[in-house]
Structures are given as C-alpha cells and as structure tokens.
C-alpha cells in the first residue's frame, strides 16, 4: 500500500470501528481525516482498499469495516506507538505489589490486573519446551511440631503449605531436611518425584526418618502442584467461539521476544478474535507468556504498552521470588 492517504483512511476506519462497532462511511471519515478531501475521493479510495482486501462492506448500503488483512496491515505498519505515562506506571506497579503479599497467587493477580486494565480475558502460561525445575525450598518452623514449607519453581510459580509432624522439628531435623533438599531436589524437574523416589529420599534421613518424612512428602506434593500453572482470568470476556483449553494450548507454544499479535485465522484462533502475548523473563530465562484474548475490536495502542509493562513487572517480581 503506497498511498499515504489510503493508509490514513485504513487507520481511521480501524480506529473508528474499534470504538463504535459500526461500519464507517465517507462522511464520518471527512470529519476525522486531516486532509481536505472530498467525500467522493474518500469513497473511491475506500473502494480500492476493499478491492485490495483491506476493507469489507457488510451490507450494500453500509459503510466499510476492516478485514482481517486490514487489521494485520494496521497492526504491522500503522499502529500508533504509545508509552504509558509515568503516573500510569506507578499506579499499575503499586496495584500489583499490593496484591503480591501471597507469592503463590502472583501469576493470578497479574492476570486479574491485566483483565481489569483491558476488559479482556487474561492468561499467564509457562513457555512450552522449558523444563520447569525446583528453584528453591524454604522451611520456617511455626512451633515444635509445625512448619511452613514454601517451594519456588523456575517458572516463577510459588506454593506453600503448613506441615504438621509427629516428632519435634529440632535443629538437627531441619538440617537433615535442608541437606536432602539441597543435594537431591533442587534443580530437579517438578515431575521427577515418583512415590518410590520420595521413599528413597526419606530413607536418607536415617534416625530422623519419622520427623523428616512429612517434610519431604510435602515438598514433593508442592512440586506436583506447581508443575502446571496455567492461569486464565476474566473468562467471561472470552468470545463465545473460544475456550480456555484452546487459548492456553496455543499460548504455550509461543516464546516471543516481544509482544506478538495473533488475529483470527492465524494459528488456532477463530475469525473475529485476537490474542496478544508478551514474554516474561525470570532471572534472565524465559518464564512464559502473559497475554489477553478478546475480539478484534481492541484498543491495541492502549493495550500493548500496558501488557508489556505488566509482563516486565511480573518477571521482576518472580525473579525476586522468595527473597521479598
């Protein structure tokens, strides 16, 4: 598309249609275009855009709406580059940090914040092909026979649980548990701990077997619980032709280096839908993707910078993990 005027018309049609949901006519375009162009000229340009596949005419007497090809051209070439205002960044960061008091719900809370910001379904999916491993295990005694266990995975997921033991959790017991975890569990895949494998770890506790066994069993159970941490919130915003399984499977295959916009007909998406995903990193490694799913009538210029910022903030907070 070489004509600057055609590009301006296409951009205006996309933005007006996204705002109103109504086909856009030449008279409405005359009101918003910066050029002093007649209605006849605009109609001629729109007809050429339709012939080239960028616009569609839903009814004979109606105006035009963007086609999937028109949306793709707009996103790739015409989308305004908008940055979040400093006050917007401060507000979003504060909102997410206010919700981060429970580390195991950080992924869910990031999704909730994104869903609120965009009025779309939000998802957080670990990257496919990335082996998720145990990154850290912490134990905090609560009493002589109770302790809080917390496990952090390499994908940023955190899970915690209170464990009750029949025996006293003496310093010697805690040392034995910590050594077994450090030597035989840290860095292992989350799905590596079979029942027989856990029993062999318990046997390593020697004279402290009865006290250490509940702790090791709980650690293995926490690893199993965070093995898959797909999060989807705001599902009522999903277009009716999509379901959660479809979008999480599709998003799990993506490990983009930047925001990726997928339109209906691309991949598993149905016509009329859009998925935007942004990667988040944990300690320099790919953690997964944060994204939104909705109809093609999105305010892309507003949603993309918000998505990028929340994904980067999520990665920073997950990298901090249990240190916070």
Foldseek 3Di string as FASTA:
>chain_A
DPDPVLLQLLLVQLQVCLVPVFADALVNVCVPDPDNDDSVVSVVSVVVCVVVPQWDDPDPPGHIHGDPVVLVCCVVPPADADADDPVVLVVLLVQLVVVCPPQQCSQVSLQVSLCVQFVFKKKWWFAPPDQKAWADWDWADPDQFKIKIWTAIQLLHIDIDIFGAPGGCDPLLVVLLVVLCVPPGHPDGLPPCDPVNLVVSLVSSPPCSRRNSRVSVVVNVRSVVVNTDMHIPSCVQADPVDDPVQVNVVQNPDQDQAKDKDAAPPDSHHHQKIKIWGWAAAPNHTNGIMIGIHGSSGSCSSSRNVRHSSRDSSNVVSNCRPVD
